[in-house]
Amino acid sequence: MASGDQDRKTRGAARESAVEAAPSTAEECARGYFEALARRDPEAMVAYWAPDGVDDIVPLRVLRGRDEIRSFFEGLFAAFPDLTTQVRRIVSDERCAAVEWRMRGTFSGRPFQGIAPTGQKLELRGVDLVEVKAGLIVRNAAYYDGAAFARQVGLLPPADSTAERALKSLFNAYVKVRKDIFGRLGG
């Protein structure tokens, strides 16, 4: 076994033991998870998850299980080497916690979700709705403005720019042509 793999397993096992011993309110679990996120520690993050937990990152995709969650965040941290995460507030009840957060970083590392790094700065605000059962996260829904992300990394043109107006005009022309064609075909 490679040294990195062994270190990962050791850290993960130690973190899982610490999570098991920690109080298990939804707020404490969500806070611990986001502290691990702020430390950029995917192993510690997944220790807060149930093995079959589901992380629905609404603008992107659904992640199922610890391995997919770990892999996603390893990719995020590799793409944004200086990424920071700040929790603005947590509101919770016995089973669920809403976490308002802010992330900042530079897209200067590896490709992310098939997009080549652009060197652009990123600042996102979002909310995660974390559901906890038996002290572990079983489900999370993460909401943020996907179009703002795309604009900031350079995938979409800036809002209200000439390029955005041109893109909208092209799209509207496409919709009109499509309606005309399908209207003629009776579909």
N, C-alpha and C. Protein backbone atom coordinates (compact mmCIF):
# COMPACT_ATOMS: atom_id res chain seq x y z
N MET A 1 0.85 -1.18 0.00
CA MET A 1 0.00 0.00 0.00
C MET A 1 0.89 1.24 0.00
N ALA A 2 0.57 2.23 -0.82
CA ALA A 2 1.35 3.45 -0.90
C ALA A 2 1.24 4.24 0.40
N SER A 3 2.27 5.00 0.70
CA SER A 3 2.31 5.77 1.94
C SER A 3 1.12 6.73 2.03
N GLY A 4 0.78 7.40 0.93
CA GLY A 4 -0.36 8.33 0.92
C GLY A 4 -1.66 7.64 1.24
N ASP A 5 -1.85 6.42 0.70
CA ASP A 5 -3.06 5.65 0.99
C ASP A 5 -3.14 5.30 2.47
N GLN A 6 -2.00 4.88 3.03
CA GLN A 6 -1.98 4.53 4.46
C GLN A 6 -2.27 5.76 5.32
N ASP A 7 -1.66 6.90 4.97
CA ASP A 7 -1.92 8.13 5.72
C ASP A 7 -3.39 8.49 5.66
N ARG A 8 -4.00 8.36 4.47
CA ARG A 8 -5.42 8.67 4.30
C ARG A 8 -6.27 7.78 5.20
N LYS A 9 -5.98 6.48 5.21
CA LYS A 9 -6.76 5.55 6.03
C LYS A 9 -6.58 5.85 7.51
N THR A 10 -5.35 6.16 7.93
CA THR A 10 -5.09 6.47 9.33
C THR A 10 -5.83 7.73 9.75
N ARG A 11 -5.73 8.78 8.93
CA ARG A 11 -6.44 10.03 9.26
C ARG A 11 -7.94 9.81 9.28
N GLY A 12 -8.43 9.07 8.29
CA GLY A 12 -9.87 8.82 8.22
C GLY A 12 -10.36 8.03 9.41
N ALA A 13 -9.63 7.00 9.81
CA ALA A 13 -10.03 6.20 10.97
C ALA A 13 -10.00 7.02 12.24
N ALA A 14 -8.95 7.83 12.41
CA ALA A 14 -8.86 8.68 13.60
C ALA A 14 -10.01 9.68 13.62
N ARG A 15 -10.33 10.26 12.46
CA ARG A 15 -11.40 11.25 12.40
C ARG A 15 -12.75 10.59 12.66
N GLU A 16 -12.96 9.39 12.11
CA GLU A 16 -14.23 8.70 12.35
C GLU A 16 -14.41 8.43 13.83
N SER A 17 -13.34 8.05 14.54
CA SER A 17 -13.44 7.81 15.98
C SER A 17 -13.80 9.09 16.70
N ALA A 18 -13.18 10.20 16.28
CA ALA A 18 -13.49 11.48 16.91
C ALA A 18 -14.92 11.89 16.66
N VAL A 19 -15.42 11.65 15.43
CA VAL A 19 -16.79 12.00 15.11
C VAL A 19 -17.76 11.16 15.93
N GLU A 20 -17.46 9.86 16.07
CA GLU A 20 -18.35 8.99 16.85
C GLU A 20 -18.44 9.45 18.30
N ALA A 21 -17.32 9.97 18.85
CA ALA A 21 -17.31 10.38 20.24
C ALA A 21 -17.92 11.76 20.42
N ALA A 22 -18.03 12.53 19.36
CA ALA A 22 -18.54 13.89 19.45
C ALA A 22 -20.05 13.89 19.63
N PRO A 23 -20.58 14.97 20.23
CA PRO A 23 -22.03 15.10 20.31
C PRO A 23 -22.63 15.06 18.91
N SER A 24 -23.86 14.59 18.81
CA SER A 24 -24.41 14.31 17.49
C SER A 24 -25.61 15.17 17.12
N THR A 25 -25.69 16.39 17.61
CA THR A 25 -26.78 17.24 17.15
C THR A 25 -26.52 17.63 15.70
N ALA A 26 -27.55 18.00 15.01
CA ALA A 26 -27.41 18.40 13.61
C ALA A 26 -26.47 19.60 13.49
N GLU A 27 -26.61 20.55 14.40
CA GLU A 27 -25.74 21.73 14.33
C GLU A 27 -24.27 21.36 14.55
N GLU A 28 -23.99 20.52 15.53
CA GLU A 28 -22.60 20.14 15.80
C GLU A 28 -22.01 19.34 14.64
N CYS A 29 -22.80 18.47 14.06
CA CYS A 29 -22.35 17.67 12.92
C CYS A 29 -22.07 18.58 11.73
N ALA A 30 -23.00 19.48 11.42
CA ALA A 30 -22.82 20.40 10.29
C ALA A 30 -21.62 21.31 10.53
N ARG A 31 -21.47 21.80 11.75
CA ARG A 31 -20.35 22.68 12.07
C ARG A 31 -19.02 21.94 11.89
N GLY A 32 -18.94 20.71 12.40
CA GLY A 32 -17.73 19.92 12.25
C GLY A 32 -17.40 19.64 10.78
N TYR A 33 -18.43 19.31 10.02
CA TYR A 33 -18.24 19.06 8.58
C TYR A 33 -17.69 20.30 7.88
N PHE A 34 -18.27 21.46 8.16
CA PHE A 34 -17.82 22.69 7.51
C PHE A 34 -16.46 23.14 8.02
N GLU A 35 -16.12 22.81 9.26
CA GLU A 35 -14.76 23.08 9.73
C GLU A 35 -13.75 22.24 8.95
N ALA A 36 -14.10 20.98 8.68
CA ALA A 36 -13.22 20.12 7.86
C ALA A 36 -13.13 20.66 6.44
N LEU A 37 -14.24 21.16 5.89
CA LEU A 37 -14.25 21.78 4.57
C LEU A 37 -13.33 23.00 4.56
N ALA A 38 -13.42 23.83 5.59
CA ALA A 38 -12.58 25.03 5.67
C ALA A 38 -11.09 24.64 5.77
N ARG A 39 -10.80 23.51 6.39
CA ARG A 39 -9.41 23.02 6.47
C ARG A 39 -8.97 22.33 5.18
N ARG A 40 -9.91 22.13 4.26
CA ARG A 40 -9.63 21.46 2.98
C ARG A 40 -9.20 20.02 3.23
N ASP A 41 -9.93 19.32 4.08
CA ASP A 41 -9.58 17.96 4.51
C ASP A 41 -10.69 16.98 4.12
N PRO A 42 -10.63 16.43 2.89
CA PRO A 42 -11.70 15.54 2.43
C PRO A 42 -11.90 14.30 3.32
N GLU A 43 -10.83 13.78 3.89
CA GLU A 43 -10.96 12.60 4.77
C GLU A 43 -11.78 12.94 6.01
N ALA A 44 -11.48 14.07 6.61
CA ALA A 44 -12.25 14.48 7.78
C ALA A 44 -13.69 14.80 7.39
N MET A 45 -13.88 15.36 6.20
CA MET A 45 -15.23 15.68 5.74
C MET A 45 -16.08 14.42 5.62
N VAL A 46 -15.55 13.39 4.95
CA VAL A 46 -16.37 12.20 4.72
C VAL A 46 -16.61 11.42 6.00
N ALA A 47 -15.81 11.64 7.03
CA ALA A 47 -16.05 10.98 8.31
C ALA A 47 -17.37 11.44 8.94
N TYR A 48 -17.87 12.60 8.52
CA TYR A 48 -19.15 13.10 9.02
C TYR A 48 -20.33 12.53 8.25
N TRP A 49 -20.06 11.78 7.20
CA TRP A 49 -21.11 11.25 6.33
C TRP A 49 -21.44 9.80 6.65
N ALA A 50 -22.72 9.45 6.53
CA ALA A 50 -23.12 8.04 6.54
C ALA A 50 -22.53 7.41 5.28
N PRO A 51 -22.19 6.12 5.33
CA PRO A 51 -21.56 5.48 4.16
C PRO A 51 -22.36 5.64 2.87
N ASP A 52 -23.68 5.66 2.96
CA ASP A 52 -24.52 5.79 1.77
C ASP A 52 -25.17 7.18 1.66
N GLY A 53 -24.54 8.18 2.27
CA GLY A 53 -25.07 9.53 2.23
C GLY A 53 -25.16 10.08 0.82
N VAL A 54 -26.07 11.03 0.62
CA VAL A 54 -26.30 11.64 -0.70
C VAL A 54 -26.09 13.15 -0.58
N ASP A 55 -25.16 13.65 -1.38
CA ASP A 55 -24.86 15.08 -1.42
C ASP A 55 -25.34 15.62 -2.77
N ASP A 56 -26.45 16.33 -2.76
CA ASP A 56 -27.05 16.89 -3.97
C ASP A 56 -26.52 18.31 -4.15
N ILE A 57 -25.51 18.46 -4.97
CA ILE A 57 -24.96 19.78 -5.27
C ILE A 57 -25.78 20.27 -6.46
N VAL A 58 -26.83 20.99 -6.16
CA VAL A 58 -27.92 21.26 -7.10
C VAL A 58 -27.44 21.79 -8.45
N PRO A 59 -26.54 22.77 -8.53
CA PRO A 59 -26.14 23.24 -9.85
C PRO A 59 -25.29 22.25 -10.66
N LEU A 60 -24.75 21.22 -10.01
CA LEU A 60 -23.82 20.32 -10.71
C LEU A 60 -24.34 18.90 -10.85
N ARG A 61 -24.44 18.18 -9.71
CA ARG A 61 -24.82 16.78 -9.78
C ARG A 61 -25.03 16.21 -8.39
N VAL A 62 -25.49 14.97 -8.35
CA VAL A 62 -25.72 14.26 -7.10
C VAL A 62 -24.54 13.33 -6.85
N LEU A 63 -24.01 13.39 -5.64
CA LEU A 63 -22.91 12.52 -5.22
C LEU A 63 -23.48 11.48 -4.28
N ARG A 64 -23.11 10.22 -4.49
CA ARG A 64 -23.64 9.14 -3.66
C ARG A 64 -22.48 8.41 -2.97
N GLY A 65 -22.51 8.44 -1.65
CA GLY A 65 -21.52 7.72 -0.87
C GLY A 65 -20.24 8.52 -0.63
N ARG A 66 -19.50 8.04 0.36
CA ARG A 66 -18.29 8.75 0.78
C ARG A 66 -17.25 8.87 -0.32
N ASP A 67 -17.08 7.84 -1.14
CA ASP A 67 -16.05 7.89 -2.18
C ASP A 67 -16.31 9.00 -3.19
N GLU A 68 -17.56 9.12 -3.65
CA GLU A 68 -17.89 10.18 -4.61
C GLU A 68 -17.75 11.57 -3.97
N ILE A 69 -18.16 11.68 -2.72
CA ILE A 69 -18.05 12.97 -2.02
C ILE A 69 -16.58 13.34 -1.86
N ARG A 70 -15.78 12.41 -1.39
CA ARG A 70 -14.34 12.66 -1.24
C ARG A 70 -13.71 13.07 -2.57
N SER A 71 -13.99 12.33 -3.61
CA SER A 71 -13.42 12.60 -4.93
C SER A 71 -13.81 13.99 -5.44
N PHE A 72 -15.06 14.36 -5.25
CA PHE A 72 -15.52 15.68 -5.69
C PHE A 72 -14.72 16.78 -5.00
N PHE A 73 -14.61 16.69 -3.69
CA PHE A 73 -13.92 17.76 -2.96
C PHE A 73 -12.41 17.74 -3.19
N GLU A 74 -11.82 16.58 -3.41
CA GLU A 74 -10.41 16.54 -3.79
C GLU A 74 -10.22 17.29 -5.11
N GLY A 75 -11.14 17.10 -6.05
CA GLY A 75 -11.09 17.81 -7.32
C GLY A 75 -11.29 19.31 -7.17
N LEU A 76 -12.22 19.69 -6.30
CA LEU A 76 -12.47 21.12 -6.04
C LEU A 76 -11.22 21.78 -5.46
N PHE A 77 -10.62 21.13 -4.47
CA PHE A 77 -9.43 21.71 -3.83
C PHE A 77 -8.25 21.76 -4.78
N ALA A 78 -8.14 20.78 -5.68
CA ALA A 78 -7.05 20.78 -6.66
C ALA A 78 -7.26 21.89 -7.70
N ALA A 79 -8.49 22.19 -8.03
CA ALA A 79 -8.81 23.22 -9.02
C ALA A 79 -8.67 24.63 -8.45
N PHE A 80 -8.99 24.77 -7.17
CA PHE A 80 -8.94 26.07 -6.49
C PHE A 80 -7.97 25.94 -5.31
N PRO A 81 -6.66 26.02 -5.57
CA PRO A 81 -5.68 25.74 -4.53
C PRO A 81 -5.74 26.68 -3.33
N ASP A 82 -6.29 27.87 -3.50
CA ASP A 82 -6.38 28.82 -2.40
C ASP A 82 -7.80 28.97 -1.86
N LEU A 83 -8.67 28.01 -2.15
CA LEU A 83 -10.08 28.10 -1.76
C LEU A 83 -10.23 28.23 -0.25
N THR A 84 -11.02 29.22 0.16
CA THR A 84 -11.37 29.36 1.58
C THR A 84 -12.88 29.27 1.71
N THR A 85 -13.32 28.75 2.84
CA THR A 85 -14.75 28.63 3.13
C THR A 85 -15.02 29.23 4.50
N GLN A 86 -16.02 30.09 4.56
CA GLN A 86 -16.43 30.69 5.82
C GLN A 86 -17.91 30.41 6.04
N VAL A 87 -18.24 29.95 7.23
CA VAL A 87 -19.64 29.77 7.61
C VAL A 87 -20.14 31.10 8.15
N ARG A 88 -21.24 31.57 7.57
CA ARG A 88 -21.82 32.84 8.00
C ARG A 88 -22.82 32.63 9.14
N ARG A 89 -23.60 31.52 9.04
CA ARG A 89 -24.55 31.21 10.11
C ARG A 89 -25.07 29.80 9.94
N ILE A 90 -25.50 29.23 11.05
CA ILE A 90 -26.14 27.91 11.06
C ILE A 90 -27.44 28.03 11.83
N VAL A 91 -28.50 27.52 11.24
CA VAL A 91 -29.81 27.45 11.90
C VAL A 91 -30.21 25.98 11.87
N SER A 92 -30.62 25.45 13.03
CA SER A 92 -30.88 24.01 13.05
C SER A 92 -32.01 23.64 13.99
N ASP A 93 -32.48 22.41 13.80
CA ASP A 93 -33.37 21.77 14.76
C ASP A 93 -32.70 20.46 15.14
N GLU A 94 -33.44 19.49 15.62
CA GLU A 94 -32.84 18.24 16.10
C GLU A 94 -32.19 17.44 14.97
N ARG A 95 -32.75 17.51 13.78
CA ARG A 95 -32.31 16.62 12.71
C ARG A 95 -31.69 17.31 11.51
N CYS A 96 -31.95 18.59 11.34
CA CYS A 96 -31.49 19.30 10.14
C CYS A 96 -30.80 20.61 10.52
N ALA A 97 -29.86 21.00 9.66
CA ALA A 97 -29.17 22.28 9.84
C ALA A 97 -29.07 22.98 8.49
N ALA A 98 -29.35 24.27 8.49
CA ALA A 98 -29.14 25.11 7.31
C ALA A 98 -27.86 25.90 7.55
N VAL A 99 -26.93 25.78 6.61
CA VAL A 99 -25.62 26.42 6.76
C VAL A 99 -25.45 27.42 5.63
N GLU A 100 -25.34 28.69 5.99
CA GLU A 100 -25.04 29.73 5.00
C GLU A 100 -23.53 29.89 4.96
N TRP A 101 -22.96 29.88 3.75
CA TRP A 101 -21.51 29.91 3.61
C TRP A 101 -21.06 30.84 2.49
N ARG A 102 -19.78 31.12 2.51
CA ARG A 102 -19.14 31.91 1.45
C ARG A 102 -17.81 31.23 1.11
N MET A 103 -17.55 31.06 -0.19
CA MET A 103 -16.29 30.50 -0.67
C MET A 103 -15.59 31.53 -1.55
N ARG A 104 -14.26 31.56 -1.40
CA ARG A 104 -13.43 32.43 -2.24
C ARG A 104 -12.21 31.63 -2.69
N GLY A 105 -11.79 31.86 -3.92
CA GLY A 105 -10.59 31.20 -4.40
C GLY A 105 -10.27 31.61 -5.82
N THR A 106 -9.19 31.03 -6.34
CA THR A 106 -8.74 31.30 -7.70
C THR A 106 -8.71 29.99 -8.47
N PHE A 107 -9.31 29.99 -9.65
CA PHE A 107 -9.36 28.80 -10.49
C PHE A 107 -8.03 28.67 -11.24
N SER A 108 -7.00 28.28 -10.49
CA SER A 108 -5.65 28.27 -11.05
C SER A 108 -4.96 26.92 -10.95
N GLY A 109 -5.69 25.90 -10.52
CA GLY A 109 -5.09 24.58 -10.36
C GLY A 109 -5.42 23.66 -11.52
N ARG A 110 -6.01 22.54 -11.19
CA ARG A 110 -6.38 21.54 -12.19
C ARG A 110 -7.75 21.84 -12.79
N PRO A 111 -8.10 21.17 -13.90
CA PRO A 111 -9.45 21.32 -14.45
C PRO A 111 -10.51 20.89 -13.40
N PHE A 112 -11.68 21.50 -13.50
CA PHE A 112 -12.78 21.18 -12.58
C PHE A 112 -14.03 20.89 -13.38
N GLN A 113 -14.59 19.71 -13.18
CA GLN A 113 -15.81 19.30 -13.87
C GLN A 113 -15.66 19.47 -15.39
N GLY A 114 -14.48 19.16 -15.90
CA GLY A 114 -14.23 19.24 -17.33
C GLY A 114 -13.87 20.62 -17.85
N ILE A 115 -13.74 21.60 -16.97
CA ILE A 115 -13.43 22.98 -17.37
C ILE A 115 -11.96 23.26 -17.04
N ALA A 116 -11.21 23.73 -18.04
CA ALA A 116 -9.80 24.07 -17.85
C ALA A 116 -9.68 25.29 -16.94
N PRO A 117 -8.65 25.33 -16.09
CA PRO A 117 -8.47 26.48 -15.20
C PRO A 117 -8.22 27.76 -15.99
N THR A 118 -8.81 28.84 -15.51
CA THR A 118 -8.74 30.13 -16.21
C THR A 118 -7.95 31.19 -15.45
N GLY A 119 -7.61 30.91 -14.20
CA GLY A 119 -6.92 31.91 -13.39
C GLY A 119 -7.86 32.95 -12.81
N GLN A 120 -9.16 32.79 -13.04
CA GLN A 120 -10.15 33.75 -12.57
C GLN A 120 -10.43 33.59 -11.08
N LYS A 121 -10.75 34.71 -10.44
CA LYS A 121 -11.16 34.71 -9.03
C LYS A 121 -12.61 34.26 -8.93
N LEU A 122 -12.93 33.61 -7.82
CA LEU A 122 -14.27 33.11 -7.57
C LEU A 122 -14.72 33.56 -6.19
N GLU A 123 -15.95 34.02 -6.09
CA GLU A 123 -16.57 34.30 -4.80
C GLU A 123 -18.03 33.88 -4.90
N LEU A 124 -18.39 32.87 -4.12
CA LEU A 124 -19.75 32.34 -4.12
C LEU A 124 -20.34 32.39 -2.73
N ARG A 125 -21.64 32.61 -2.70
CA ARG A 125 -22.41 32.45 -1.46
C ARG A 125 -23.39 31.33 -1.70
N GLY A 126 -23.66 30.56 -0.65
CA GLY A 126 -24.60 29.47 -0.81
C GLY A 126 -25.17 29.01 0.51
N VAL A 127 -26.07 28.03 0.40
CA VAL A 127 -26.71 27.44 1.57
C VAL A 127 -26.74 25.93 1.38
N ASP A 128 -26.35 25.21 2.41
CA ASP A 128 -26.48 23.76 2.44
C ASP A 128 -27.56 23.40 3.44
N LEU A 129 -28.40 22.45 3.08
CA LEU A 129 -29.42 21.92 3.99
C LEU A 129 -28.99 20.50 4.34
N VAL A 130 -28.49 20.36 5.56
CA VAL A 130 -27.85 19.14 6.02
C VAL A 130 -28.82 18.35 6.89
N GLU A 131 -29.03 17.08 6.53
CA GLU A 131 -29.91 16.19 7.32
C GLU A 131 -29.03 15.16 8.03
N VAL A 132 -29.21 15.05 9.34
CA VAL A 132 -28.37 14.19 10.17
C VAL A 132 -29.22 13.11 10.83
N LYS A 133 -28.67 11.90 10.85
CA LYS A 133 -29.32 10.78 11.52
C LYS A 133 -28.22 9.99 12.23
N ALA A 134 -28.42 9.71 13.51
CA ALA A 134 -27.45 8.95 14.31
C ALA A 134 -26.06 9.59 14.25
N GLY A 135 -26.01 10.92 14.24
CA GLY A 135 -24.75 11.63 14.29
C GLY A 135 -23.99 11.74 12.99
N LEU A 136 -24.58 11.27 11.87
CA LEU A 136 -23.92 11.34 10.57
C LEU A 136 -24.83 12.01 9.55
N ILE A 137 -24.23 12.65 8.58
CA ILE A 137 -25.00 13.30 7.52
C ILE A 137 -25.52 12.21 6.59
N VAL A 138 -26.83 12.20 6.38
CA VAL A 138 -27.43 11.22 5.47
C VAL A 138 -27.80 11.86 4.13
N ARG A 139 -28.05 13.17 4.17
CA ARG A 139 -28.43 13.87 2.94
C ARG A 139 -28.07 15.33 3.09
N ASN A 140 -27.65 15.92 1.98
CA ASN A 140 -27.36 17.35 1.94
C ASN A 140 -27.81 17.86 0.58
N ALA A 141 -28.37 19.05 0.58
CA ALA A 141 -28.68 19.75 -0.66
C ALA A 141 -27.94 21.08 -0.60
N ALA A 142 -27.01 21.28 -1.54
CA ALA A 142 -26.19 22.49 -1.59
C ALA A 142 -26.70 23.38 -2.71
N TYR A 143 -27.04 24.61 -2.35
CA TYR A 143 -27.58 25.57 -3.32
C TYR A 143 -26.64 26.76 -3.44
N TYR A 144 -26.30 27.10 -4.67
CA TYR A 144 -25.57 28.33 -4.97
C TYR A 144 -25.91 28.70 -6.40
N ASP A 145 -25.53 29.90 -6.80
CA ASP A 145 -25.86 30.41 -8.13
C ASP A 145 -24.89 29.83 -9.16
N GLY A 146 -25.34 28.82 -9.88
CA GLY A 146 -24.50 28.16 -10.88
C GLY A 146 -24.09 29.09 -12.01
N ALA A 147 -24.98 30.01 -12.40
CA ALA A 147 -24.63 30.96 -13.46
C ALA A 147 -23.54 31.91 -12.99
N ALA A 148 -23.60 32.33 -11.72
CA ALA A 148 -22.54 33.20 -11.17
C ALA A 148 -21.21 32.46 -11.18
N PHE A 149 -21.23 31.18 -10.81
CA PHE A 149 -20.00 30.37 -10.87
C PHE A 149 -19.46 30.36 -12.29
N ALA A 150 -20.33 30.06 -13.27
CA ALA A 150 -19.91 29.97 -14.66
C ALA A 150 -19.37 31.31 -15.17
N ARG A 151 -19.98 32.41 -14.77
CA ARG A 151 -19.49 33.73 -15.18
C ARG A 151 -18.11 34.01 -14.57
N GLN A 152 -17.98 33.70 -13.29
CA GLN A 152 -16.74 34.05 -12.60
C GLN A 152 -15.54 33.23 -13.09
N VAL A 153 -15.76 31.99 -13.49
CA VAL A 153 -14.63 31.20 -13.99
C VAL A 153 -14.42 31.40 -15.49
N GLY A 154 -15.29 32.17 -16.15
CA GLY A 154 -15.12 32.50 -17.55
C GLY A 154 -15.87 31.60 -18.52
N LEU A 155 -16.71 30.72 -18.00
CA LEU A 155 -17.48 29.82 -18.87
C LEU A 155 -18.63 30.56 -19.56
N LEU A 156 -19.23 31.53 -18.88
CA LEU A 156 -20.26 32.40 -19.45
C LEU A 156 -19.73 33.83 -19.47
N PRO A 157 -20.24 34.64 -20.39
CA PRO A 157 -19.79 36.05 -20.42
C PRO A 157 -20.34 36.82 -19.21
N PRO A 158 -19.69 37.94 -18.88
CA PRO A 158 -20.18 38.76 -17.76
C PRO A 158 -21.62 39.22 -17.99
N ALA A 159 -22.35 39.39 -16.89
CA ALA A 159 -23.75 39.85 -16.96
C ALA A 159 -23.81 41.22 -17.63
N ASP A 160 -24.82 41.39 -18.47
CA ASP A 160 -25.10 42.67 -19.16
C ASP A 160 -23.99 43.10 -20.12
N SER A 161 -23.12 42.18 -20.50
CA SER A 161 -22.05 42.52 -21.44
C SER A 161 -22.55 42.35 -22.88
N THR A 162 -21.77 42.88 -23.82
CA THR A 162 -22.09 42.70 -25.23
C THR A 162 -22.12 41.22 -25.58
N ALA A 163 -21.16 40.46 -25.03
CA ALA A 163 -21.11 39.03 -25.30
C ALA A 163 -22.36 38.32 -24.77
N GLU A 164 -22.84 38.73 -23.60
CA GLU A 164 -24.05 38.10 -23.07
C GLU A 164 -25.26 38.44 -23.94
N ARG A 165 -25.36 39.67 -24.37
CA ARG A 165 -26.48 40.06 -25.24
C ARG A 165 -26.44 39.27 -26.55
N ALA A 166 -25.25 39.09 -27.11
CA ALA A 166 -25.10 38.32 -28.35
C ALA A 166 -25.50 36.86 -28.12
N LEU A 167 -25.09 36.30 -26.99
CA LEU A 167 -25.43 34.91 -26.66
C LEU A 167 -26.95 34.75 -26.52
N LYS A 168 -27.59 35.71 -25.86
CA LYS A 168 -29.06 35.65 -25.72
C LYS A 168 -29.74 35.77 -27.09
N SER A 169 -29.23 36.65 -27.95
CA SER A 169 -29.80 36.80 -29.29
C SER A 169 -29.69 35.51 -30.08
N LEU A 170 -28.53 34.86 -30.02
CA LEU A 170 -28.34 33.58 -30.70
C LEU A 170 -29.31 32.53 -30.16
N PHE A 171 -29.44 32.48 -28.85
CA PHE A 171 -30.35 31.51 -28.25
C PHE A 171 -31.79 31.77 -28.69
N ASN A 172 -32.21 33.02 -28.66
CA ASN A 172 -33.58 33.36 -29.05
C ASN A 172 -33.82 33.04 -30.53
N ALA A 173 -32.82 33.25 -31.38
CA ALA A 173 -32.95 32.89 -32.80
C ALA A 173 -33.09 31.38 -32.94
N TYR A 174 -32.31 30.63 -32.20
CA TYR A 174 -32.40 29.17 -32.21
C TYR A 174 -33.80 28.70 -31.80
N VAL A 175 -34.34 29.29 -30.73
CA VAL A 175 -35.67 28.91 -30.26
C VAL A 175 -36.72 29.22 -31.32
N LYS A 176 -36.61 30.37 -31.96
CA LYS A 176 -37.57 30.75 -32.99
C LYS A 176 -37.52 29.77 -34.18
N VAL A 177 -36.31 29.46 -34.64
CA VAL A 177 -36.15 28.52 -35.76
C VAL A 177 -36.70 27.16 -35.37
N ARG A 178 -36.40 26.72 -34.20
CA ARG A 178 -36.88 25.41 -33.74
C ARG A 178 -38.41 25.36 -33.69
N LYS A 179 -39.03 26.43 -33.17
CA LYS A 179 -40.49 26.49 -33.12
C LYS A 179 -41.07 26.46 -34.53
N ASP A 180 -40.46 27.23 -35.43
CA ASP A 180 -40.93 27.26 -36.82
C ASP A 180 -40.84 25.88 -37.47
N ILE A 181 -39.73 25.19 -37.28
CA ILE A 181 -39.54 23.86 -37.88
C ILE A 181 -40.54 22.87 -37.30
N PHE A 182 -40.64 22.82 -35.97
CA PHE A 182 -41.55 21.85 -35.35
C PHE A 182 -43.01 22.21 -35.60
N GLY A 183 -43.29 23.52 -35.77
CA GLY A 183 -44.65 23.94 -36.11
C GLY A 183 -45.07 23.44 -37.48
N ARG A 184 -44.14 23.47 -38.42
CA ARG A 184 -44.42 22.97 -39.76
C ARG A 184 -44.56 21.46 -39.81
N LEU A 185 -43.83 20.78 -38.90
CA LEU A 185 -43.88 19.32 -38.87
C LEU A 185 -45.04 18.78 -38.03
N GLY A 186 -45.75 19.70 -37.40
CA GLY A 186 -46.90 19.29 -36.60
C GLY A 186 -46.49 18.75 -35.23
N GLY A 187 -45.32 19.08 -34.76
CA GLY A 187 -44.84 18.54 -33.49
C GLY A 187 -44.53 19.59 -32.54
